[in-house]
Amino acid sequence: MKNLKIVLTIVIITLICVSAVYEILRPKKNITPTAGEKEEVTFWSLQMGTFGNYMNPIIEEFEKQNPDIKIKWIDVPYSEGEKRTLASILSSNPPDLVNLTPDFSSILAQKQALEYIDCNKLSAYNNKIVQMLQQNGKCYAVPFYATSSITFYNKNIVKRAEITKIPKTYDELFKIAPQIKNKTNTFVTMPTLTENDTFLKILNKYNVNNSDKLANEESIKLFEEYKKLYKNDLIPKESITQNHQEALEKYMSGQIAFIQSGANFLNIVKENAPQIFKVTDVSEQFTGNNGKYDVSVMNLIIPARAKHKEAALKFALFLTNSQNQTELAKLTTILPVNKKSLENEYFKTYNNNDTIAKARYISAQQLENLITPIEFKKNKKEIINLLNSTIQQIVLEKTKVKKGLLDLQKNWKILEENK
């Protein structure tokens, strides 16, 4: 009898615990307020705390148009965005709308932690960017804003090197590297090959977009080119260890001719190296043989257990309407994702004497010809780390190109298929 009581007690405790966990983890239904009660939508932005003069009037106008909804805006430091979001999603009271990167958002979507959005409601946005925020034909986020890197170049170095045509492709860039080094004793560029997914994006521009294509002719040629640049001292040795900030410093000190960067970094050049800024011009982002450009996007997601999903979506669409997108772009160097906003004259014209306006125009034009990012079933971070390690091994001649790529191909497949 005593043993039976113990067993029953354990069963009851277990059922209580399971019930509690289920209550925490199960998706919450959209809560409709009672008469006179306002829905409070909690919105987490990412590193936008200094934009109160922009965000507060938008919130006030939205609440005026929707008197039954109140917006609680909380800004989260960029470095803590993913950690805080994950912790909140595991709780019973997540925010209703969160500003995140698509990479992390897609992981949450794979885990069924996000509310899917009717893609038809996103027709106002750049079609290619909307496609980037889909899984199995379902939209898991609202686009927020975008950046598309361009090419800065030092006109003095180009002139001294007797370069008559600004390179538009990586292949053209490779060809002029010896000429720049021989005539100016500077480097053609500093590609930061192992920084995040830099090289992954370059491969994608040559249609090397899955593990099966890693050892094809285009891929082998590309790896060989960077190996040659490194071996012949045509790019800095730090290209396989340092990041974009350090490459920018080299550009500002006049050591490299070309750098691919976001338009926002032009302001850094202008403020910290005014003499270099005076001789800086801009051109399109380098392309591969498919002629397409890559883009970085920020998006807005609604957790599956959010309490005010419909109101959150309504605010997300209001926040990203054409008027609000244009205003944000004018305050920053970001690009709108709203198609009507991109038709504004601010993005359609520029003065040749205004390098920053020219950069904005070029960036906006690139959104019309975007490449589809490489998709991963799982373990994207681990695969990118493996790719970056392979680049180092190849350029340092610690492995043959073909062997290194075949090994990478095998391990990439294992990581994607690993449960």
Protein backbone atom coordinates (compact mmCIF):
# COMPACT_ATOMS: atom_id res chain seq x y z
CA MET A 1 0.00 0.00 0.00
CA LYS A 2 2.85 2.37 0.91
CA ASN A 3 4.57 1.68 -2.42
CA LEU A 4 1.28 2.29 -4.25
CA LYS A 5 0.91 5.71 -2.61
CA ILE A 6 4.46 6.60 -3.64
CA VAL A 7 3.77 5.56 -7.25
CA LEU A 8 0.50 7.54 -7.35
CA THR A 9 2.24 10.59 -5.93
CA ILE A 10 4.95 10.40 -8.61
CA VAL A 11 2.33 10.01 -11.37
CA ILE A 12 0.36 13.02 -10.12
CA ILE A 13 3.48 15.21 -9.88
CA THR A 14 4.54 14.11 -13.37
CA LEU A 15 1.13 14.96 -14.83
CA ILE A 16 1.20 18.38 -13.18
CA CYS A 17 4.67 19.08 -14.59
CA VAL A 18 3.75 17.91 -18.09
CA SER A 19 0.63 20.05 -17.98
CA ALA A 20 2.63 23.08 -16.90
CA VAL A 21 5.25 22.60 -19.60
CA TYR A 22 2.55 22.13 -22.22
CA GLU A 23 0.86 25.33 -21.11
CA ILE A 24 4.13 27.22 -21.48
CA LEU A 25 5.10 25.77 -24.86
CA ARG A 26 1.80 25.54 -26.69
CA PRO A 27 0.99 28.37 -29.11
CA LYS A 28 -1.33 30.97 -27.61
CA LYS A 29 -4.46 32.06 -29.38
CA ASN A 30 -4.81 35.69 -30.37
CA ILE A 31 -6.40 37.42 -27.39
CA THR A 32 -9.31 39.75 -28.12
CA PRO A 33 -9.67 42.52 -25.52
CA THR A 34 -12.94 43.11 -23.75
CA ALA A 35 -14.89 46.31 -24.34
CA GLY A 36 -12.89 49.37 -23.28
CA GLU A 37 -9.68 47.37 -22.85
CA LYS A 38 -6.65 48.01 -25.09
CA GLU A 39 -4.41 45.37 -26.61
CA GLU A 40 -0.83 46.06 -25.58
CA VAL A 41 1.54 44.97 -28.33
CA THR A 42 5.12 44.58 -27.11
CA PHE A 43 7.58 45.42 -29.88
CA TRP A 44 11.30 44.69 -29.59
CA SER A 45 13.56 46.63 -31.98
CA LEU A 46 17.24 45.94 -32.48
CA GLN A 47 19.73 48.73 -31.75
CA MET A 48 17.28 51.54 -32.55
CA GLY A 49 17.29 53.28 -29.18
CA THR A 50 18.65 56.52 -30.66
CA PHE A 51 15.74 56.73 -33.10
CA GLY A 52 13.12 57.86 -30.60
CA ASN A 53 12.35 60.97 -32.68
CA TYR A 54 11.47 58.64 -35.55
CA MET A 55 9.79 55.76 -33.71
CA ASN A 56 7.68 57.64 -31.15
CA PRO A 57 5.67 59.70 -33.68
CA ILE A 58 5.00 56.52 -35.68
CA ILE A 59 3.72 54.77 -32.57
CA GLU A 60 1.57 57.80 -31.67
CA GLU A 61 0.08 57.93 -35.17
CA PHE A 62 -0.61 54.18 -35.18
CA GLU A 63 -2.32 54.36 -31.78
CA LYS A 64 -4.38 57.32 -33.00
CA GLN A 65 -5.56 55.30 -35.99
CA ASN A 66 -6.07 52.19 -33.83
CA PRO A 67 -7.41 53.42 -30.45
CA ASP A 68 -7.90 49.84 -29.25
CA ILE A 69 -4.15 49.06 -29.55
CA LYS A 70 -1.25 50.30 -27.44
CA ILE A 71 2.39 49.78 -28.50
CA LYS A 72 5.03 49.08 -25.86
CA TRP A 73 8.39 49.70 -27.55
CA ILE A 74 11.54 48.12 -26.09
CA ASP A 75 14.95 48.48 -27.75
CA VAL A 76 17.37 45.56 -27.41
CA PRO A 77 21.16 45.77 -27.97
CA TYR A 78 22.17 44.01 -31.19
CA SER A 79 24.54 41.64 -29.37
CA GLU A 80 21.72 40.41 -27.13
CA GLY A 81 18.92 40.15 -29.70
CA GLU A 82 19.11 36.43 -30.42
CA LYS A 83 19.73 35.40 -26.81
CA ARG A 84 16.86 37.45 -25.41
CA THR A 85 14.49 36.39 -28.17
CA LEU A 86 15.22 32.72 -27.63
CA ALA A 87 14.69 33.05 -23.87
CA SER A 88 11.42 34.93 -24.37
CA ILE A 89 10.09 32.39 -26.89
CA LEU A 90 10.68 29.61 -24.36
CA SER A 91 8.64 31.55 -21.81
CA SER A 92 4.88 31.89 -21.62
CA ASN A 93 4.97 35.62 -22.33
CA PRO A 94 7.07 36.48 -25.42
CA PRO A 95 6.94 39.89 -27.12
CA ASP A 96 4.40 40.20 -29.92
CA LEU A 97 6.76 41.57 -32.57
CA VAL A 98 10.55 41.25 -32.77
CA ASN A 99 13.19 42.75 -35.07
CA LEU A 100 15.68 40.00 -36.04
CA THR A 101 17.97 38.81 -38.82
CA PRO A 102 16.55 36.32 -41.36
CA ASP A 103 19.24 33.77 -40.44
CA PHE A 104 18.04 33.45 -36.86
CA SER A 105 14.40 33.93 -37.84
CA SER A 106 14.58 31.01 -40.26
CA ILE A 107 15.96 28.77 -37.52
CA LEU A 108 13.02 29.70 -35.28
CA ALA A 109 10.63 29.06 -38.17
CA GLN A 110 12.13 25.59 -38.68
CA LYS A 111 11.41 24.90 -35.00
CA GLN A 112 7.78 25.99 -35.50
CA ALA A 113 8.35 28.85 -33.06
CA LEU A 114 6.99 31.59 -35.34
CA GLU A 115 3.58 32.57 -36.59
CA TYR A 116 3.37 32.24 -40.36
CA ILE A 117 2.10 35.30 -42.25
CA ASP A 118 -0.16 35.27 -45.29
CA CYS A 119 2.27 36.05 -48.14
CA ASN A 120 -0.50 37.91 -49.97
CA LYS A 121 -0.32 40.56 -47.25
CA LEU A 122 3.31 41.25 -48.21
CA SER A 123 2.66 42.27 -51.82
CA ALA A 124 3.83 45.85 -51.11
CA TYR A 125 7.43 44.71 -50.60
CA ASN A 126 10.30 43.78 -52.90
CA ASN A 127 9.27 40.38 -54.28
CA LYS A 128 12.74 38.84 -54.12
CA ILE A 129 13.19 39.85 -50.49
CA VAL A 130 9.79 38.41 -49.58
CA GLN A 131 10.87 35.14 -51.20
CA MET A 132 13.95 35.14 -48.96
CA LEU A 133 11.66 35.13 -45.92
CA GLN A 134 9.79 31.97 -46.84
CA GLN A 135 9.98 28.31 -45.92
CA ASN A 136 7.99 25.75 -47.87
CA GLY A 137 6.10 28.56 -49.57
CA LYS A 138 5.07 30.14 -46.25
CA CYS A 139 6.20 33.60 -45.09
CA TYR A 140 7.64 33.69 -41.59
CA ALA A 141 8.51 37.40 -41.38
CA VAL A 142 7.73 40.92 -42.59
CA PRO A 143 10.68 42.64 -44.30
CA PHE A 144 11.92 45.67 -42.31
CA TYR A 145 14.85 47.20 -44.20
CA ALA A 146 17.82 46.21 -46.36
CA THR A 147 21.42 47.05 -47.23
CA SER A 148 23.23 46.10 -50.42
CA SER A 149 26.99 46.62 -50.43
CA ILE A 150 28.71 48.61 -53.17
CA THR A 151 32.31 49.12 -54.26
CA PHE A 152 34.41 52.07 -53.04
CA TYR A 153 37.58 52.78 -54.97
CA ASN A 154 40.52 55.16 -54.67
CA LYS A 155 40.64 57.24 -57.86
CA ASN A 156 44.27 58.22 -57.30
CA ILE A 157 45.45 54.60 -57.13
CA VAL A 158 43.37 53.70 -60.18
CA LYS A 159 44.87 56.61 -62.13
CA ARG A 160 48.44 55.84 -61.08
CA ALA A 161 47.94 52.19 -62.04
CA GLU A 162 46.66 53.34 -65.46
CA ILE A 163 43.40 51.43 -65.05
CA THR A 164 41.03 52.71 -67.73
CA LYS A 165 37.98 50.61 -66.86
CA ILE A 166 36.58 50.15 -63.36
CA PRO A 167 36.08 46.39 -62.73
CA LYS A 168 32.49 45.24 -62.35
CA THR A 169 33.18 41.53 -61.77
CA TYR A 170 35.52 39.53 -59.56
CA ASP A 171 37.21 38.17 -62.69
CA GLU A 172 38.00 41.72 -63.87
CA LEU A 173 39.28 42.56 -60.41
CA PHE A 174 41.63 39.55 -60.42
CA LYS A 175 43.10 40.62 -63.79
CA ILE A 176 44.13 44.11 -62.68
CA ALA A 177 45.66 43.01 -59.35
CA PRO A 178 49.25 42.62 -60.70
CA GLN A 179 49.04 45.96 -62.52
CA ILE A 180 48.00 47.80 -59.36
CA LYS A 181 50.76 46.18 -57.32
CA ASN A 182 53.48 46.78 -59.89
CA LYS A 183 52.63 50.43 -60.59
CA THR A 184 51.47 51.66 -57.15
CA ASN A 185 52.81 49.14 -54.62
CA THR A 186 49.32 48.86 -53.12
CA PHE A 187 46.87 45.96 -52.93
CA VAL A 188 43.91 45.56 -55.25
CA THR A 189 41.59 44.77 -52.31
CA MET A 190 41.34 43.02 -48.94
CA PRO A 191 38.58 40.42 -49.26
CA THR A 192 38.30 39.24 -45.57
CA LEU A 193 37.70 35.72 -46.88
CA THR A 194 36.93 34.06 -43.55
CA GLU A 195 34.65 36.72 -42.07
CA ASN A 196 31.19 35.25 -41.47
CA ASP A 197 29.62 34.18 -44.80
CA THR A 198 31.70 36.43 -47.07
CA PHE A 199 33.07 33.64 -49.25
CA LEU A 200 29.76 31.80 -49.28
CA LYS A 201 28.21 34.85 -50.96
CA ILE A 202 31.01 34.98 -53.53
CA LEU A 203 30.49 31.30 -54.38
CA ASN A 204 26.77 31.93 -54.78
CA LYS A 205 27.51 34.57 -57.42
CA TYR A 206 29.07 31.79 -59.47
CA ASN A 207 26.04 29.52 -58.93
CA VAL A 208 28.02 27.34 -56.51
CA ASN A 209 25.00 27.17 -54.23
CA ASN A 210 24.99 23.66 -52.79
CA SER A 211 27.44 20.99 -51.71
CA ASP A 212 27.18 19.06 -55.01
CA LYS A 213 28.70 22.02 -56.92
CA LEU A 214 31.62 22.63 -54.55
CA ALA A 215 34.16 20.75 -56.65
CA ASN A 216 32.93 21.89 -60.07
CA GLU A 217 35.06 23.86 -62.54
CA GLU A 218 33.82 27.32 -61.48
CA SER A 219 34.43 26.63 -57.81
CA ILE A 220 37.92 25.23 -58.35
CA LYS A 221 38.83 28.23 -60.52
CA LEU A 222 37.61 30.68 -57.86
CA PHE A 223 39.59 29.05 -55.07
CA GLU A 224 42.65 28.94 -57.33
CA GLU A 225 42.34 32.67 -58.05
CA TYR A 226 42.34 33.61 -54.36
CA LYS A 227 45.21 31.24 -53.73
CA LYS A 228 47.17 32.99 -56.49
CA LEU A 229 46.35 36.47 -55.16
CA TYR A 230 47.53 35.45 -51.69
CA LYS A 231 50.68 33.65 -52.86
CA ASN A 232 51.76 36.55 -55.11
CA ASP A 233 51.21 39.15 -52.38
CA LEU A 234 48.47 40.88 -54.36
CA ILE A 235 46.14 40.98 -51.33
CA PRO A 236 47.17 41.54 -47.69
CA LYS A 237 48.14 38.44 -45.72
CA GLU A 238 45.49 39.46 -43.16
CA SER A 239 42.82 38.71 -45.76
CA ILE A 240 42.32 35.23 -44.27
CA THR A 241 42.20 36.29 -40.62
CA GLN A 242 40.94 39.86 -40.23
CA ASN A 243 37.51 41.44 -40.58
CA HIS A 244 35.82 44.18 -42.54
CA GLN A 245 36.66 46.92 -40.05
CA GLU A 246 40.36 46.23 -40.46
CA ALA A 247 39.97 46.19 -44.25
CA LEU A 248 38.26 49.58 -44.06
CA GLU A 249 41.18 50.93 -42.04
CA LYS A 250 43.56 49.79 -44.77
CA TYR A 251 41.40 51.53 -47.36
CA MET A 252 41.38 54.74 -45.31
CA SER A 253 45.17 54.62 -45.05
CA GLY A 254 45.51 54.31 -48.83
CA GLN A 255 46.83 50.74 -48.86
CA ILE A 256 44.11 49.17 -51.02
CA ALA A 257 42.42 50.32 -54.22
CA PHE A 258 38.97 48.70 -53.94
CA ILE A 259 36.76 47.69 -51.03
CA GLN A 260 33.25 46.27 -51.08
CA SER A 261 31.15 47.70 -48.26
CA GLY A 262 27.81 49.09 -47.19
CA ALA A 263 27.03 52.68 -48.17
CA ASN A 264 26.91 53.59 -44.46
CA PHE A 265 30.69 53.09 -44.25
CA LEU A 266 31.22 56.03 -46.60
CA ASN A 267 30.37 58.32 -43.69
CA ILE A 268 33.09 56.65 -41.63
CA VAL A 269 35.60 57.30 -44.42
CA LYS A 270 34.41 60.90 -44.70
CA GLU A 271 34.77 61.53 -40.96
CA ASN A 272 37.99 59.61 -40.29
CA ALA A 273 39.92 59.95 -43.56
CA PRO A 274 38.69 63.10 -45.33
CA GLN A 275 41.62 63.13 -47.77
CA ILE A 276 40.80 59.57 -48.88
CA PHE A 277 37.10 60.45 -49.11
CA LYS A 278 37.95 63.27 -51.53
CA VAL A 279 39.49 60.75 -53.95
CA THR A 280 36.84 58.07 -53.40
CA ASP A 281 34.24 57.13 -55.98
CA VAL A 282 31.69 54.30 -55.93
CA SER A 283 30.54 51.60 -58.31
CA GLU A 284 28.32 48.52 -58.34
CA GLN A 285 28.94 45.54 -56.10
CA PHE A 286 31.26 42.99 -57.74
CA THR A 287 29.40 40.16 -59.45
CA GLY A 288 30.23 36.65 -60.58
CA ASN A 289 29.16 34.99 -63.81
CA ASN A 290 25.44 35.19 -62.97
CA GLY A 291 25.56 39.01 -62.75
CA LYS A 292 23.45 39.20 -59.59
CA TYR A 293 23.87 41.11 -56.32
CA ASP A 294 23.52 40.01 -52.72
CA VAL A 295 21.64 41.85 -50.01
CA SER A 296 21.41 41.91 -46.22
CA VAL A 297 17.93 42.15 -44.71
CA MET A 298 16.39 42.78 -41.31
CA ASN A 299 12.91 41.46 -40.64
CA LEU A 300 10.05 41.47 -38.13
CA ILE A 301 8.74 38.20 -36.68
CA ILE A 302 5.72 37.25 -34.58
CA PRO A 303 6.35 34.45 -32.05
CA ALA A 304 3.91 31.53 -32.24
CA ARG A 305 2.93 32.09 -28.61
CA ALA A 306 2.44 35.85 -28.91
CA LYS A 307 -0.83 37.02 -27.38
CA HIS A 308 -1.64 39.78 -29.88
CA LYS A 309 -0.69 38.41 -33.28
CA GLU A 310 -3.18 40.28 -35.46
CA ALA A 311 -2.42 43.61 -33.81
CA ALA A 312 1.33 42.92 -34.07
CA LEU A 313 1.04 42.26 -37.80
CA LYS A 314 -1.03 45.39 -38.26
CA PHE A 315 1.70 47.46 -36.58
CA ALA A 316 4.47 45.74 -38.57
CA LEU A 317 2.74 46.64 -41.85
CA PHE A 318 2.22 50.22 -40.66
CA LEU A 319 5.84 50.56 -39.54
CA THR A 320 7.03 49.44 -42.98
CA ASN A 321 4.63 51.41 -45.15
CA SER A 322 6.14 53.60 -47.88
CA GLN A 323 6.06 56.84 -45.91
CA ASN A 324 7.71 55.41 -42.79
CA GLN A 325 10.27 53.47 -44.82
CA THR A 326 11.32 56.57 -46.76
CA GLU A 327 11.67 58.59 -43.57
CA LEU A 328 13.86 55.92 -41.94
CA ALA A 329 16.07 55.73 -45.02
CA LYS A 330 16.59 59.49 -44.97
CA LEU A 331 17.68 59.32 -41.34
CA THR A 332 20.10 56.46 -41.99
CA THR A 333 21.79 54.75 -44.96
CA ILE A 334 19.45 51.75 -45.08
CA LEU A 335 17.31 50.87 -48.08
CA PRO A 336 13.53 50.52 -47.95
CA VAL A 337 11.98 47.16 -48.76
CA ASN A 338 8.66 48.76 -49.66
CA LYS A 339 8.35 48.99 -53.47
CA LYS A 340 6.49 52.31 -53.43
CA SER A 341 9.14 53.85 -51.20
CA LEU A 342 11.88 52.78 -53.61
CA GLU A 343 10.11 54.77 -56.33
CA ASN A 344 10.74 57.97 -54.38
CA GLU A 345 13.07 60.44 -56.15
CA TYR A 346 15.43 60.19 -53.17
CA PHE A 347 16.52 56.77 -54.46
CA LYS A 348 16.15 57.44 -58.20
CA THR A 349 18.51 60.38 -58.76
CA TYR A 350 21.91 61.64 -57.67
CA ASN A 351 24.45 64.37 -58.32
CA ASN A 352 27.85 63.19 -59.55
CA ASN A 353 29.50 65.47 -57.00
CA ASP A 354 27.63 63.77 -54.14
CA THR A 355 29.33 60.40 -53.55
CA ILE A 356 26.95 59.40 -50.75
CA ALA A 357 23.87 60.09 -52.90
CA LYS A 358 25.45 58.11 -55.75
CA ALA A 359 26.06 55.19 -53.37
CA ARG A 360 22.42 55.29 -52.28
CA TYR A 361 21.24 55.25 -55.91
CA ILE A 362 23.47 52.32 -56.87
CA SER A 363 22.43 50.32 -53.78
CA ALA A 364 18.74 50.87 -54.53
CA GLN A 365 19.18 49.85 -58.17
CA GLN A 366 20.83 46.61 -57.11
CA LEU A 367 17.62 45.54 -55.34
CA GLU A 368 16.12 44.95 -58.80
CA ASN A 369 18.59 42.13 -59.51
CA LEU A 370 19.07 40.13 -56.32
CA ILE A 371 20.49 36.66 -55.99
CA THR A 372 18.65 34.00 -54.00
CA PRO A 373 20.67 33.20 -50.85
CA ILE A 374 21.95 29.67 -50.36
CA GLU A 375 19.54 27.63 -48.24
CA PHE A 376 20.63 25.19 -45.57
CA LYS A 377 18.57 22.39 -44.09
CA LYS A 378 20.49 22.71 -40.82
CA ASN A 379 23.87 23.51 -39.24
CA LYS A 380 24.50 26.62 -41.37
CA LYS A 381 26.96 28.15 -38.90
CA GLU A 382 29.00 24.94 -38.69
CA ILE A 383 29.08 24.60 -42.49
CA ILE A 384 30.28 28.19 -42.93
CA ASN A 385 33.00 27.62 -40.33
CA LEU A 386 34.07 24.53 -42.27
CA LEU A 387 34.10 26.49 -45.54
CA ASN A 388 36.22 29.26 -44.00
CA SER A 389 38.68 26.73 -42.61
CA THR A 390 38.97 25.17 -46.08
CA ILE A 391 39.76 28.57 -47.64
CA GLN A 392 42.59 29.05 -45.17
CA GLN A 393 43.98 25.59 -45.84
CA ILE A 394 43.90 26.15 -49.61
CA VAL A 395 45.45 29.63 -49.76
CA LEU A 396 48.15 28.57 -47.29
CA GLU A 397 48.83 25.58 -49.56
CA LYS A 398 48.24 23.06 -46.81
CA THR A 399 45.95 21.12 -49.12
CA LYS A 400 45.37 20.84 -52.87
CA VAL A 401 42.35 22.74 -54.13
CA LYS A 402 40.47 19.70 -55.53
CA LYS A 403 41.13 17.56 -52.45
CA GLY A 404 40.15 20.36 -50.07
CA LEU A 405 36.89 20.91 -51.92
CA LEU A 406 36.03 17.21 -52.07
CA ASP A 407 36.59 16.94 -48.32
CA LEU A 408 34.47 20.05 -47.78
CA GLN A 409 31.75 18.61 -50.01
CA LYS A 410 31.62 15.38 -48.00
CA ASN A 411 31.56 17.11 -44.61
CA TRP A 412 29.02 19.71 -45.76
CA LYS A 413 26.62 16.90 -46.70
CA ILE A 414 27.17 15.15 -43.37
CA LEU A 415 26.39 18.34 -41.46
CA GLU A 416 23.23 19.03 -43.45
CA GLU A 417 21.95 15.49 -43.04
CA ASN A 418 23.00 15.11 -39.41
CA LYS A 419 19.97 14.96 -37.13
